Amino acid sequence: MPGESGNPRGRPLGSRNRLSEKFILALHDDFEEHGSTVIQQVRQERPEIYLKVIASLVPRELHFKSANAFEGMSDDELTSLLVDVGRPSLLKLEKAVQRESQRRASARSLIDFTC
């Protein structure tokens, strides 16, 4: 019949809700068992993913009780704060760059050896 789908009755009422509920429960159970360990592992091994998740959870617009949460801080104090906050990520990035450089050097020496 024209215009009729392969499933004229559609999906049973509530089936999507049951699937979503089962998924959320499974996710909850997995997080209860592994959550903090996985978060720590991601923070250490993939800081860019860790920061992306945090950014996705932070509201796009933050409201502070005072007009400026950093009011009264000097430029040097603000710079120091930013450096301290970014230091762990920068150290991990530096280590990753060093590992990549070593990997490439090893690959080049292997290529030179085989040629």
PDB file of N, CA and C in Angstrom:
ATOM      1  N   MET A   1       0.841  -1.167   0.000  1.00  0.00           N
ATOM      2  CA  MET A   1       0.000   0.000   0.000  1.00  0.00           C
ATOM      3  C   MET A   1       0.897   1.246   0.000  1.00  0.00           C
ATOM      4  N   PRO A   2       0.631   2.261  -0.848  1.00  0.00           N
ATOM      5  CA  PRO A   2       1.473   3.455  -0.927  1.00  0.00           C
ATOM      6  C   PRO A   2       1.493   4.219   0.405  1.00  0.00           C
ATOM      7  N   GLY A   3       2.717   4.652   0.780  1.00  0.00           N
ATOM      8  CA  GLY A   3       2.866   5.456   1.984  1.00  0.00           C
ATOM      9  C   GLY A   3       2.937   4.650   3.267  1.00  0.00           C
ATOM     10  N   GLU A   4       2.838   3.330   3.171  1.00  0.00           N
ATOM     11  CA  GLU A   4       2.866   2.495   4.371  1.00  0.00           C
ATOM     12  C   GLU A   4       4.291   2.016   4.596  1.00  0.00           C
ATOM     13  N   SER A   5       4.782   2.114   5.809  1.00  0.00           N
ATOM     14  CA  SER A   5       6.144   1.692   6.110  1.00  0.00           C
ATOM     15  C   SER A   5       6.192   0.189   6.278  1.00  0.00           C
ATOM     16  N   GLY A   6       7.428  -0.324   6.451  1.00  0.00           N
ATOM     17  CA  GLY A   6       7.611  -1.753   6.659  1.00  0.00           C
ATOM     18  C   GLY A   6       7.085  -2.204   8.016  1.00  0.00           C
ATOM     19  N   ASN A   7       6.836  -1.272   8.907  1.00  0.00           N
ATOM     20  CA  ASN A   7       6.315  -1.588  10.233  1.00  0.00           C
ATOM     21  C   ASN A   7       5.132  -0.654  10.482  1.00  0.00           C
ATOM     22  N   PRO A   8       3.948  -0.980   9.940  1.00  0.00           N
ATOM     23  CA  PRO A   8       2.817  -0.054  10.002  1.00  0.00           C
ATOM     24  C   PRO A   8       2.373   0.301  11.418  1.00  0.00           C
ATOM     25  N   ARG A   9       2.634  -0.544  12.378  1.00  0.00           N
ATOM     26  CA  ARG A   9       2.229  -0.232  13.744  1.00  0.00           C
ATOM     27  C   ARG A   9       3.268   0.631  14.478  1.00  0.00           C
ATOM     28  N   GLY A  10       4.476   0.738  13.918  1.00  0.00           N
ATOM     29  CA  GLY A  10       5.526   1.504  14.583  1.00  0.00           C
ATOM     30  C   GLY A  10       6.124   0.715  15.740  1.00  0.00           C
ATOM     31  N   ARG A  11       7.018   1.325  16.429  1.00  0.00           N
ATOM     32  CA  ARG A  11       7.630   0.637  17.573  1.00  0.00           C
ATOM     33  C   ARG A  11       6.632   0.606  18.732  1.00  0.00           C
ATOM     34  N   PRO A  12       6.705  -0.420  19.533  1.00  0.00           N
ATOM     35  CA  PRO A  12       5.793  -0.499  20.678  1.00  0.00           C
ATOM     36  C   PRO A  12       6.000   0.679  21.628  1.00  0.00           C
ATOM     37  N   LEU A  13       4.933   1.162  22.195  1.00  0.00           N
ATOM     38  CA  LEU A  13       5.011   2.271  23.131  1.00  0.00           C
ATOM     39  C   LEU A  13       5.930   1.916  24.297  1.00  0.00           C
ATOM     40  N   GLY A  14       6.812   2.835  24.623  1.00  0.00           N
ATOM     41  CA  GLY A  14       7.696   2.647  25.764  1.00  0.00           C
ATOM     42  C   GLY A  14       8.958   1.867  25.484  1.00  0.00           C
ATOM     43  N   SER A  15       9.110   1.289  24.283  1.00  0.00           N
ATOM     44  CA  SER A  15      10.289   0.462  24.024  1.00  0.00           C
ATOM     45  C   SER A  15      11.567   1.301  24.046  1.00  0.00           C
ATOM     46  N   ARG A  16      11.506   2.493  23.500  1.00  0.00           N
ATOM     47  CA  ARG A  16      12.687   3.356  23.511  1.00  0.00           C
ATOM     48  C   ARG A  16      13.023   3.759  24.944  1.00  0.00           C
ATOM     49  N   ASN A  17      12.014   4.032  25.734  1.00  0.00           N
ATOM     50  CA  ASN A  17      12.248   4.410  27.123  1.00  0.00           C
ATOM     51  C   ASN A  17      12.895   3.272  27.901  1.00  0.00           C
ATOM     52  N   ARG A  18      12.461   2.032  27.639  1.00  0.00           N
ATOM     53  CA  ARG A  18      13.056   0.881  28.328  1.00  0.00           C
ATOM     54  C   ARG A  18      14.515   0.721  27.924  1.00  0.00           C
ATOM     55  N   LEU A  19      14.813   0.888  26.643  1.00  0.00           N
ATOM     56  CA  LEU A  19      16.195   0.788  26.166  1.00  0.00           C
ATOM     57  C   LEU A  19      17.046   1.879  26.814  1.00  0.00           C
ATOM     58  N   SER A  20      16.560   3.105  26.828  1.00  0.00           N
ATOM     59  CA  SER A  20      17.299   4.202  27.448  1.00  0.00           C
ATOM     60  C   SER A  20      17.521   3.933  28.922  1.00  0.00           C
ATOM     61  N   GLU A  21      16.506   3.442  29.587  1.00  0.00           N
ATOM     62  CA  GLU A  21      16.610   3.156  31.020  1.00  0.00           C
ATOM     63  C   GLU A  21      17.651   2.073  31.277  1.00  0.00           C
ATOM     64  N   LYS A  22      17.646   1.006  30.461  1.00  0.00           N
ATOM     65  CA  LYS A  22      18.630  -0.065  30.616  1.00  0.00           C
ATOM     66  C   LYS A  22      20.046   0.456  30.379  1.00  0.00           C
ATOM     67  N   PHE A  23      20.185   1.296  29.369  1.00  0.00           N
ATOM     68  CA  PHE A  23      21.500   1.862  29.063  1.00  0.00           C
ATOM     69  C   PHE A  23      22.007   2.723  30.220  1.00  0.00           C
ATOM     70  N   ILE A  24      21.154   3.595  30.729  1.00  0.00           N
ATOM     71  CA  ILE A  24      21.536   4.476  31.843  1.00  0.00           C
ATOM     72  C   ILE A  24      21.886   3.642  33.072  1.00  0.00           C
ATOM     73  N   LEU A  25      21.126   2.603  33.354  1.00  0.00           N
ATOM     74  CA  LEU A  25      21.426   1.740  34.498  1.00  0.00           C
ATOM     75  C   LEU A  25      22.770   1.027  34.315  1.00  0.00           C
ATOM     76  N   ALA A  26      23.027   0.516  33.114  1.00  0.00           N
ATOM     77  CA  ALA A  26      24.309  -0.152  32.840  1.00  0.00           C
ATOM     78  C   ALA A  26      25.464   0.833  32.974  1.00  0.00           C
ATOM     79  N   LEU A  27      25.267   2.039  32.463  1.00  0.00           N
ATOM     80  CA  LEU A  27      26.291   3.075  32.569  1.00  0.00           C
ATOM     81  C   LEU A  27      26.530   3.433  34.035  1.00  0.00           C
ATOM     82  N   HIS A  28      25.465   3.545  34.798  1.00  0.00           N
ATOM     83  CA  HIS A  28      25.575   3.833  36.226  1.00  0.00           C
ATOM     84  C   HIS A  28      26.363   2.737  36.943  1.00  0.00           C
ATOM     85  N   ASP A  29      26.022   1.489  36.678  1.00  0.00           N
ATOM     86  CA  ASP A  29      26.714   0.372  37.322  1.00  0.00           C
ATOM     87  C   ASP A  29      28.201   0.364  36.968  1.00  0.00           C
ATOM     88  N   ASP A  30      28.515   0.603  35.699  1.00  0.00           N
ATOM     89  CA  ASP A  30      29.903   0.636  35.255  1.00  0.00           C
ATOM     90  C   ASP A  30      30.657   1.781  35.923  1.00  0.00           C
ATOM     91  N   PHE A  31      30.015   2.936  36.015  1.00  0.00           N
ATOM     92  CA  PHE A  31      30.653   4.085  36.648  1.00  0.00           C
ATOM     93  C   PHE A  31      30.879   3.834  38.129  1.00  0.00           C
ATOM     94  N   GLU A  32      29.928   3.215  38.794  1.00  0.00           N
ATOM     95  CA  GLU A  32      30.088   2.890  40.213  1.00  0.00           C
ATOM     96  C   GLU A  32      31.326   2.026  40.429  1.00  0.00           C
ATOM     97  N   GLU A  33      31.562   1.094  39.499  1.00  0.00           N
ATOM     98  CA  GLU A  33      32.679   0.161  39.650  1.00  0.00           C
ATOM     99  C   GLU A  33      34.011   0.757  39.191  1.00  0.00           C
ATOM    100  N   HIS A  34      34.013   1.506  38.093  1.00  0.00           N
ATOM    101  CA  HIS A  34      35.269   1.934  37.471  1.00  0.00           C
ATOM    102  C   HIS A  34      35.444   3.446  37.365  1.00  0.00           C
ATOM    103  N   GLY A  35      34.433   4.219  37.712  1.00  0.00           N
ATOM    104  CA  GLY A  35      34.421   5.656  37.430  1.00  0.00           C
ATOM    105  C   GLY A  35      35.650   6.433  37.825  1.00  0.00           C
ATOM    106  N   SER A  36      36.024   6.427  39.099  1.00  0.00           N
ATOM    107  CA  SER A  36      37.135   7.264  39.536  1.00  0.00           C
ATOM    108  C   SER A  36      38.452   6.790  38.939  1.00  0.00           C
ATOM    109  N   THR A  37      38.613   5.494  38.754  1.00  0.00           N
ATOM    110  CA  THR A  37      39.839   4.962  38.151  1.00  0.00           C
ATOM    111  C   THR A  37      39.964   5.413  36.700  1.00  0.00           C
ATOM    112  N   VAL A  38      38.872   5.344  35.972  1.00  0.00           N
ATOM    113  CA  VAL A  38      38.888   5.750  34.564  1.00  0.00           C
ATOM    114  C   VAL A  38      39.120   7.255  34.440  1.00  0.00           C
ATOM    115  N   ILE A  39      38.488   8.019  35.302  1.00  0.00           N
ATOM    116  CA  ILE A  39      38.694   9.471  35.266  1.00  0.00           C
ATOM    117  C   ILE A  39      40.165   9.791  35.499  1.00  0.00           C
ATOM    118  N   GLN A  40      40.773   9.156  36.480  1.00  0.00           N
ATOM    119  CA  GLN A  40      42.192   9.391  36.769  1.00  0.00           C
ATOM    120  C   GLN A  40      43.060   8.972  35.581  1.00  0.00           C
ATOM    121  N   GLN A  41      42.755   7.837  34.987  1.00  0.00           N
ATOM    122  CA  GLN A  41      43.534   7.345  33.849  1.00  0.00           C
ATOM    123  C   GLN A  41      43.428   8.304  32.664  1.00  0.00           C
ATOM    124  N   VAL A  42      42.233   8.783  32.372  1.00  0.00           N
ATOM    125  CA  VAL A  42      42.049   9.727  31.267  1.00  0.00           C
ATOM    126  C   VAL A  42      42.791  11.032  31.565  1.00  0.00           C
ATOM    127  N   ARG A  43      42.692  11.505  32.812  1.00  0.00           N
ATOM    128  CA  ARG A  43      43.373  12.747  33.186  1.00  0.00           C
ATOM    129  C   ARG A  43      44.876  12.615  32.979  1.00  0.00           C
ATOM    130  N   GLN A  44      45.444  11.467  33.301  1.00  0.00           N
ATOM    131  CA  GLN A  44      46.885  11.270  33.185  1.00  0.00           C
ATOM    132  C   GLN A  44      47.336  10.983  31.759  1.00  0.00           C
ATOM    133  N   GLU A  45      46.574  10.167  31.042  1.00  0.00           N
ATOM    134  CA  GLU A  45      47.010   9.709  29.725  1.00  0.00           C
ATOM    135  C   GLU A  45      46.468  10.541  28.573  1.00  0.00           C
ATOM    136  N   ARG A  46      45.303  11.155  28.733  1.00  0.00           N
ATOM    137  CA  ARG A  46      44.679  11.923  27.660  1.00  0.00           C
ATOM    138  C   ARG A  46      44.116  13.232  28.215  1.00  0.00           C
ATOM    139  N   PRO A  47      44.973  14.138  28.684  1.00  0.00           N
ATOM    140  CA  PRO A  47      44.480  15.361  29.327  1.00  0.00           C
ATOM    141  C   PRO A  47      43.580  16.197  28.419  1.00  0.00           C
ATOM    142  N   GLU A  48      43.784  16.108  27.101  1.00  0.00           N
ATOM    143  CA  GLU A  48      42.931  16.887  26.197  1.00  0.00           C
ATOM    144  C   GLU A  48      41.483  16.393  26.234  1.00  0.00           C
ATOM    145  N   ILE A  49      41.284  15.080  26.362  1.00  0.00           N
ATOM    146  CA  ILE A  49      39.941  14.513  26.478  1.00  0.00           C
ATOM    147  C   ILE A  49      39.348  14.896  27.837  1.00  0.00           C
ATOM    148  N   TYR A  50      40.164  14.807  28.871  1.00  0.00           N
ATOM    149  CA  TYR A  50      39.727  15.162  30.222  1.00  0.00           C
ATOM    150  C   TYR A  50      39.218  16.605  30.249  1.00  0.00           C
ATOM    151  N   LEU A  51      39.985  17.517  29.665  1.00  0.00           N
ATOM    152  CA  LEU A  51      39.577  18.920  29.647  1.00  0.00           C
ATOM    153  C   LEU A  51      38.331  19.134  28.795  1.00  0.00           C
ATOM    154  N   LYS A  52      38.210  18.376  27.707  1.00  0.00           N
ATOM    155  CA  LYS A  52      37.028  18.505  26.856  1.00  0.00           C
ATOM    156  C   LYS A  52      35.765  18.088  27.607  1.00  0.00           C
ATOM    157  N   VAL A  53      35.864  17.025  28.383  1.00  0.00           N
ATOM    158  CA  VAL A  53      34.716  16.573  29.179  1.00  0.00           C
ATOM    159  C   VAL A  53      34.358  17.617  30.227  1.00  0.00           C
ATOM    160  N   ILE A  54      35.370  18.143  30.910  1.00  0.00           N
ATOM    161  CA  ILE A  54      35.109  19.170  31.918  1.00  0.00           C
ATOM    162  C   ILE A  54      34.439  20.379  31.271  1.00  0.00           C
ATOM    163  N   ALA A  55      34.976  20.807  30.134  1.00  0.00           N
ATOM    164  CA  ALA A  55      34.403  21.974  29.445  1.00  0.00           C
ATOM    165  C   ALA A  55      32.957  21.720  29.038  1.00  0.00           C
ATOM    166  N   SER A  56      32.642  20.481  28.684  1.00  0.00           N
ATOM    167  CA  SER A  56      31.268  20.182  28.272  1.00  0.00           C
ATOM    168  C   SER A  56      30.302  20.207  29.457  1.00  0.00           C
ATOM    169  N   LEU A  57      30.831  20.042  30.669  1.00  0.00           N
ATOM    170  CA  LEU A  57      29.985  20.023  31.854  1.00  0.00           C
ATOM    171  C   LEU A  57      29.833  21.394  32.513  1.00  0.00           C
ATOM    172  N   VAL A  58      30.758  22.291  32.222  1.00  0.00           N
ATOM    173  CA  VAL A  58      30.717  23.629  32.818  1.00  0.00           C
ATOM    174  C   VAL A  58      29.692  24.466  32.062  1.00  0.00           C
ATOM    175  N   PRO A  59      28.870  25.195  32.772  1.00  0.00           N
ATOM    176  CA  PRO A  59      27.905  26.059  32.073  1.00  0.00           C
ATOM    177  C   PRO A  59      28.630  27.060  31.172  1.00  0.00           C
ATOM    178  N   ARG A  60      28.025  27.384  30.046  1.00  0.00           N
ATOM    179  CA  ARG A  60      28.646  28.315  29.097  1.00  0.00           C
ATOM    180  C   ARG A  60      28.807  29.704  29.694  1.00  0.00           C
ATOM    181  N   GLU A  61      27.952  30.040  30.620  1.00  0.00           N
ATOM    182  CA  GLU A  61      28.001  31.366  31.217  1.00  0.00           C
ATOM    183  C   GLU A  61      28.066  31.203  32.728  1.00  0.00           C
ATOM    184  N   LEU A  62      29.116  31.723  33.317  1.00  0.00           N
ATOM    185  CA  LEU A  62      29.267  31.638  34.762  1.00  0.00           C
ATOM    186  C   LEU A  62      28.914  32.985  35.380  1.00  0.00           C
ATOM    187  N   HIS A  63      28.233  32.945  36.490  1.00  0.00           N
ATOM    188  CA  HIS A  63      27.882  34.169  37.201  1.00  0.00           C
ATOM    189  C   HIS A  63      28.605  34.164  38.538  1.00  0.00           C
ATOM    190  N   PHE A  64      29.310  35.243  38.809  1.00  0.00           N
ATOM    191  CA  PHE A  64      30.027  35.375  40.063  1.00  0.00           C
ATOM    192  C   PHE A  64      29.284  36.355  40.949  1.00  0.00           C
ATOM    193  N   LYS A  65      29.446  36.179  42.248  1.00  0.00           N
ATOM    194  CA  LYS A  65      28.791  37.089  43.174  1.00  0.00           C
ATOM    195  C   LYS A  65      29.363  38.489  43.059  1.00  0.00           C
ATOM    196  N   SER A  66      30.670  38.588  42.861  1.00  0.00           N
ATOM    197  CA  SER A  66      31.253  39.914  42.648  1.00  0.00           C
ATOM    198  C   SER A  66      31.393  40.124  41.146  1.00  0.00           C
ATOM    199  N   ALA A  67      31.598  41.361  40.755  1.00  0.00           N
ATOM    200  CA  ALA A  67      31.709  41.677  39.332  1.00  0.00           C
ATOM    201  C   ALA A  67      32.900  40.953  38.713  1.00  0.00           C
ATOM    202  N   ASN A  68      33.966  40.761  39.500  1.00  0.00           N
ATOM    203  CA  ASN A  68      35.153  40.117  38.974  1.00  0.00           C
ATOM    204  C   ASN A  68      35.732  39.226  40.068  1.00  0.00           C
ATOM    205  N   ALA A  69      35.777  37.944  39.823  1.00  0.00           N
ATOM    206  CA  ALA A  69      36.278  37.004  40.828  1.00  0.00           C
ATOM    207  C   ALA A  69      37.754  37.220  41.113  1.00  0.00           C
ATOM    208  N   PHE A  70      38.466  37.866  40.211  1.00  0.00           N
ATOM    209  CA  PHE A  70      39.902  38.076  40.370  1.00  0.00           C
ATOM    210  C   PHE A  70      40.224  39.530  40.695  1.00  0.00           C
ATOM    211  N   GLU A  71      39.218  40.251  41.121  1.00  0.00           N
ATOM    212  CA  GLU A  71      39.381  41.668  41.435  1.00  0.00           C
ATOM    213  C   GLU A  71      40.437  41.846  42.524  1.00  0.00           C
ATOM    214  N   GLY A  72      41.320  42.820  42.317  1.00  0.00           N
ATOM    215  CA  GLY A  72      42.355  43.106  43.300  1.00  0.00           C
ATOM    216  C   GLY A  72      43.644  42.344  43.067  1.00  0.00           C
ATOM    217  N   MET A  73      43.633  41.378  42.146  1.00  0.00           N
ATOM    218  CA  MET A  73      44.866  40.639  41.860  1.00  0.00           C
ATOM    219  C   MET A  73      45.684  41.413  40.843  1.00  0.00           C
ATOM    220  N   SER A  74      46.997  41.428  41.060  1.00  0.00           N
ATOM    221  CA  SER A  74      47.887  42.115  40.113  1.00  0.00           C
ATOM    222  C   SER A  74      48.048  41.261  38.860  1.00  0.00           C
ATOM    223  N   ASP A  75      48.608  41.859  37.815  1.00  0.00           N
ATOM    224  CA  ASP A  75      48.876  41.108  36.589  1.00  0.00           C
ATOM    225  C   ASP A  75      49.841  39.959  36.866  1.00  0.00           C
ATOM    226  N   ASP A  76      50.829  40.206  37.718  1.00  0.00           N
ATOM    227  CA  ASP A  76      51.790  39.150  38.051  1.00  0.00           C
ATOM    228  C   ASP A  76      51.108  37.993  38.782  1.00  0.00           C
ATOM    229  N   GLU A  77      50.190  38.307  39.691  1.00  0.00           N
ATOM    230  CA  GLU A  77      49.461  37.266  40.409  1.00  0.00           C
ATOM    231  C   GLU A  77      48.570  36.468  39.461  1.00  0.00           C
ATOM    232  N   LEU A  78      47.907  37.151  38.550  1.00  0.00           N
ATOM    233  CA  LEU A  78      47.059  36.462  37.569  1.00  0.00           C
ATOM    234  C   LEU A  78      47.899  35.569  36.662  1.00  0.00           C
ATOM    235  N   THR A  79      49.035  36.080  36.209  1.00  0.00           N
ATOM    236  CA  THR A  79      49.923  35.293  35.345  1.00  0.00           C
ATOM    237  C   THR A  79      50.411  34.055  36.084  1.00  0.00           C
ATOM    238  N   SER A  80      50.803  34.227  37.342  1.00  0.00           N
ATOM    239  CA  SER A  80      51.271  33.110  38.153  1.00  0.00           C
ATOM    240  C   SER A  80      50.170  32.059  38.316  1.00  0.00           C
ATOM    241  N   LEU A  81      48.952  32.511  38.554  1.00  0.00           N
ATOM    242  CA  LEU A  81      47.822  31.603  38.696  1.00  0.00           C
ATOM    243  C   LEU A  81      47.594  30.812  37.408  1.00  0.00           C
ATOM    244  N   LEU A  82      47.620  31.485  36.274  1.00  0.00           N
ATOM    245  CA  LEU A  82      47.415  30.812  34.987  1.00  0.00           C
ATOM    246  C   LEU A  82      48.524  29.804  34.704  1.00  0.00           C
ATOM    247  N   VAL A  83      49.753  30.170  35.029  1.00  0.00           N
ATOM    248  CA  VAL A  83      50.876  29.252  34.818  1.00  0.00           C
ATOM    249  C   VAL A  83      50.714  28.020  35.701  1.00  0.00           C
ATOM    250  N   ASP A  84      50.357  28.229  36.971  1.00  0.00           N
ATOM    251  CA  ASP A  84      50.183  27.098  37.888  1.00  0.00           C
ATOM    252  C   ASP A  84      49.065  26.164  37.430  1.00  0.00           C
ATOM    253  N   VAL A  85      47.987  26.733  36.939  1.00  0.00           N
ATOM    254  CA  VAL A  85      46.856  25.922  36.470  1.00  0.00           C
ATOM    255  C   VAL A  85      47.246  25.133  35.228  1.00  0.00           C
ATOM    256  N   GLY A  86      47.981  25.741  34.322  1.00  0.00           N
ATOM    257  CA  GLY A  86      48.321  25.091  33.056  1.00  0.00           C
ATOM    258  C   GLY A  86      49.541  24.192  33.107  1.00  0.00           C
ATOM    259  N   ARG A  87      50.363  24.302  34.153  1.00  0.00           N
ATOM    260  CA  ARG A  87      51.628  23.570  34.227  1.00  0.00           C
ATOM    261  C   ARG A  87      51.475  22.058  34.060  1.00  0.00           C
ATOM    262  N   PRO A  88      50.576  21.369  34.773  1.00  0.00           N
ATOM    263  CA  PRO A  88      50.484  19.909  34.597  1.00  0.00           C
ATOM    264  C   PRO A  88      50.176  19.499  33.154  1.00  0.00           C
ATOM    265  N   SER A  89      49.288  20.215  32.495  1.00  0.00           N
ATOM    266  CA  SER A  89      48.950  19.882  31.106  1.00  0.00           C
ATOM    267  C   SER A  89      50.128  20.146  30.193  1.00  0.00           C
ATOM    268  N   LEU A  90      50.854  21.236  30.438  1.00  0.00           N
ATOM    269  CA  LEU A  90      52.011  21.547  29.611  1.00  0.00           C
ATOM    270  C   LEU A  90      53.111  20.509  29.780  1.00  0.00           C
ATOM    271  N   LEU A  91      53.316  20.035  30.999  1.00  0.00           N
ATOM    272  CA  LEU A  91      54.326  18.996  31.226  1.00  0.00           C
ATOM    273  C   LEU A  91      53.956  17.709  30.502  1.00  0.00           C
ATOM    274  N   LYS A  92      52.691  17.340  30.543  1.00  0.00           N
ATOM    275  CA  LYS A  92      52.243  16.133  29.843  1.00  0.00           C
ATOM    276  C   LYS A  92      52.378  16.296  28.336  1.00  0.00           C
ATOM    277  N   LEU A  93      52.060  17.491  27.854  1.00  0.00           N
ATOM    278  CA  LEU A  93      52.203  17.752  26.426  1.00  0.00           C
ATOM    279  C   LEU A  93      53.668  17.675  26.024  1.00  0.00           C
ATOM    280  N   GLU A  94      54.551  18.235  26.840  1.00  0.00           N
ATOM    281  CA  GLU A  94      55.986  18.203  26.554  1.00  0.00           C
ATOM    282  C   GLU A  94      56.481  16.761  26.502  1.00  0.00           C
ATOM    283  N   LYS A  95      56.043  15.924  27.453  1.00  0.00           N
ATOM    284  CA  LYS A  95      56.440  14.517  27.455  1.00  0.00           C
ATOM    285  C   LYS A  95      55.926  13.804  26.206  1.00  0.00           C
ATOM    286  N   ALA A  96      54.701  14.111  25.805  1.00  0.00           N
ATOM    287  CA  ALA A  96      54.123  13.487  24.610  1.00  0.00           C
ATOM    288  C   ALA A  96      54.916  13.879  23.371  1.00  0.00           C
ATOM    289  N   VAL A  97      55.321  15.140  23.294  1.00  0.00           N
ATOM    290  CA  VAL A  97      56.121  15.609  22.156  1.00  0.00           C
ATOM    291  C   VAL A  97      57.472  14.908  22.152  1.00  0.00           C
ATOM    292  N   GLN A  98      58.077  14.745  23.319  1.00  0.00           N
ATOM    293  CA  GLN A  98      59.360  14.045  23.402  1.00  0.00           C
ATOM    294  C   GLN A  98      59.224  12.591  22.961  1.00  0.00           C
ATOM    295  N   ARG A  99      58.156  11.919  23.404  1.00  0.00           N
ATOM    296  CA  ARG A  99      57.938  10.524  22.994  1.00  0.00           C
ATOM    297  C   ARG A  99      57.755  10.416  21.486  1.00  0.00           C
ATOM    298  N   GLU A 100      56.990  11.358  20.925  1.00  0.00           N
ATOM    299  CA  GLU A 100      56.765  11.353  19.473  1.00  0.00           C
ATOM    300  C   GLU A 100      58.073  11.591  18.734  1.00  0.00           C
ATOM    301  N   SER A 101      58.904  12.492  19.227  1.00  0.00           N
ATOM    302  CA  SER A 101      60.209  12.752  18.597  1.00  0.00           C
ATOM    303  C   SER A 101      61.079  11.505  18.651  1.00  0.00           C
ATOM    304  N   GLN A 102      61.068  10.821  19.792  1.00  0.00           N
ATOM    305  CA  GLN A 102      61.853   9.594  19.921  1.00  0.00           C
ATOM    306  C   GLN A 102      61.328   8.511  18.991  1.00  0.00           C
ATOM    307  N   ARG A 103      60.013   8.423  18.877  1.00  0.00           N
ATOM    308  CA  ARG A 103      59.419   7.418  17.985  1.00  0.00           C
ATOM    309  C   ARG A 103      59.817   7.682  16.543  1.00  0.00           C
ATOM    310  N   ARG A 104      59.760   8.950  16.147  1.00  0.00           N
ATOM    311  CA  ARG A 104      60.137   9.300  14.770  1.00  0.00           C
ATOM    312  C   ARG A 104      61.618   9.055  14.515  1.00  0.00           C
ATOM    313  N   ALA A 105      62.461   9.365  15.509  1.00  0.00           N
ATOM    314  CA  ALA A 105      63.899   9.127  15.354  1.00  0.00           C
ATOM    315  C   ALA A 105      64.165   7.635  15.210  1.00  0.00           C
ATOM    316  N   SER A 106      63.476   6.828  15.991  1.00  0.00           N
ATOM    317  CA  SER A 106      63.628   5.373  15.887  1.00  0.00           C
ATOM    318  C   SER A 106      63.183   4.865  14.524  1.00  0.00           C
ATOM    319  N   ALA A 107      62.080   5.409  14.041  1.00  0.00           N
ATOM    320  CA  ALA A 107      61.570   5.009  12.724  1.00  0.00           C
ATOM    321  C   ALA A 107      62.560   5.405  11.633  1.00  0.00           C
ATOM    322  N   ARG A 108      63.152   6.602  11.737  1.00  0.00           N
ATOM    323  CA  ARG A 108      64.131   7.052  10.739  1.00  0.00           C
ATOM    324  C   ARG A 108      65.360   6.147  10.759  1.00  0.00           C
ATOM    325  N   SER A 109      65.852   5.795  11.953  1.00  0.00           N
ATOM    326  CA  SER A 109      67.048   4.952  12.027  1.00  0.00           C
ATOM    327  C   SER A 109      66.736   3.561  11.477  1.00  0.00           C
ATOM    328  N   LEU A 110      65.518   3.072  11.681  1.00  0.00           N
ATOM    329  CA  LEU A 110      65.133   1.774  11.133  1.00  0.00           C
ATOM    330  C   LEU A 110      65.090   1.835   9.616  1.00  0.00           C
ATOM    331  N   ILE A 111      64.563   2.932   9.087  1.00  0.00           N
ATOM    332  CA  ILE A 111      64.503   3.112   7.628  1.00  0.00           C
ATOM    333  C   ILE A 111      65.919   3.208   7.060  1.00  0.00           C
ATOM    334  N   ASP A 112      66.784   3.994   7.716  1.00  0.00           N
ATOM    335  CA  ASP A 112      68.163   4.140   7.243  1.00  0.00           C
ATOM    336  C   ASP A 112      68.896   2.795   7.289  1.00  0.00           C
ATOM    337  N   PHE A 113      68.624   1.993   8.322  1.00  0.00           N
ATOM    338  CA  PHE A 113      69.274   0.692   8.473  1.00  0.00           C
ATOM    339  C   PHE A 113      68.821  -0.264   7.379  1.00  0.00           C
ATOM    340  N   THR A 114      67.562  -0.244   7.032  1.00  0.00           N
ATOM    341  CA  THR A 114      67.040  -1.195   6.029  1.00  0.00           C
ATOM    342  C   THR A 114      67.336  -0.763   4.604  1.00  0.00           C
ATOM    343  N   CYS A 115      67.652   0.501   4.385  1.00  0.00           N
ATOM    344  CA  CYS A 115      67.916   0.985   3.014  1.00  0.00           C
ATOM    345  C   CYS A 115      69.316   0.806   2.620  1.00  0.00           C
TER     346      CYS A 115
END
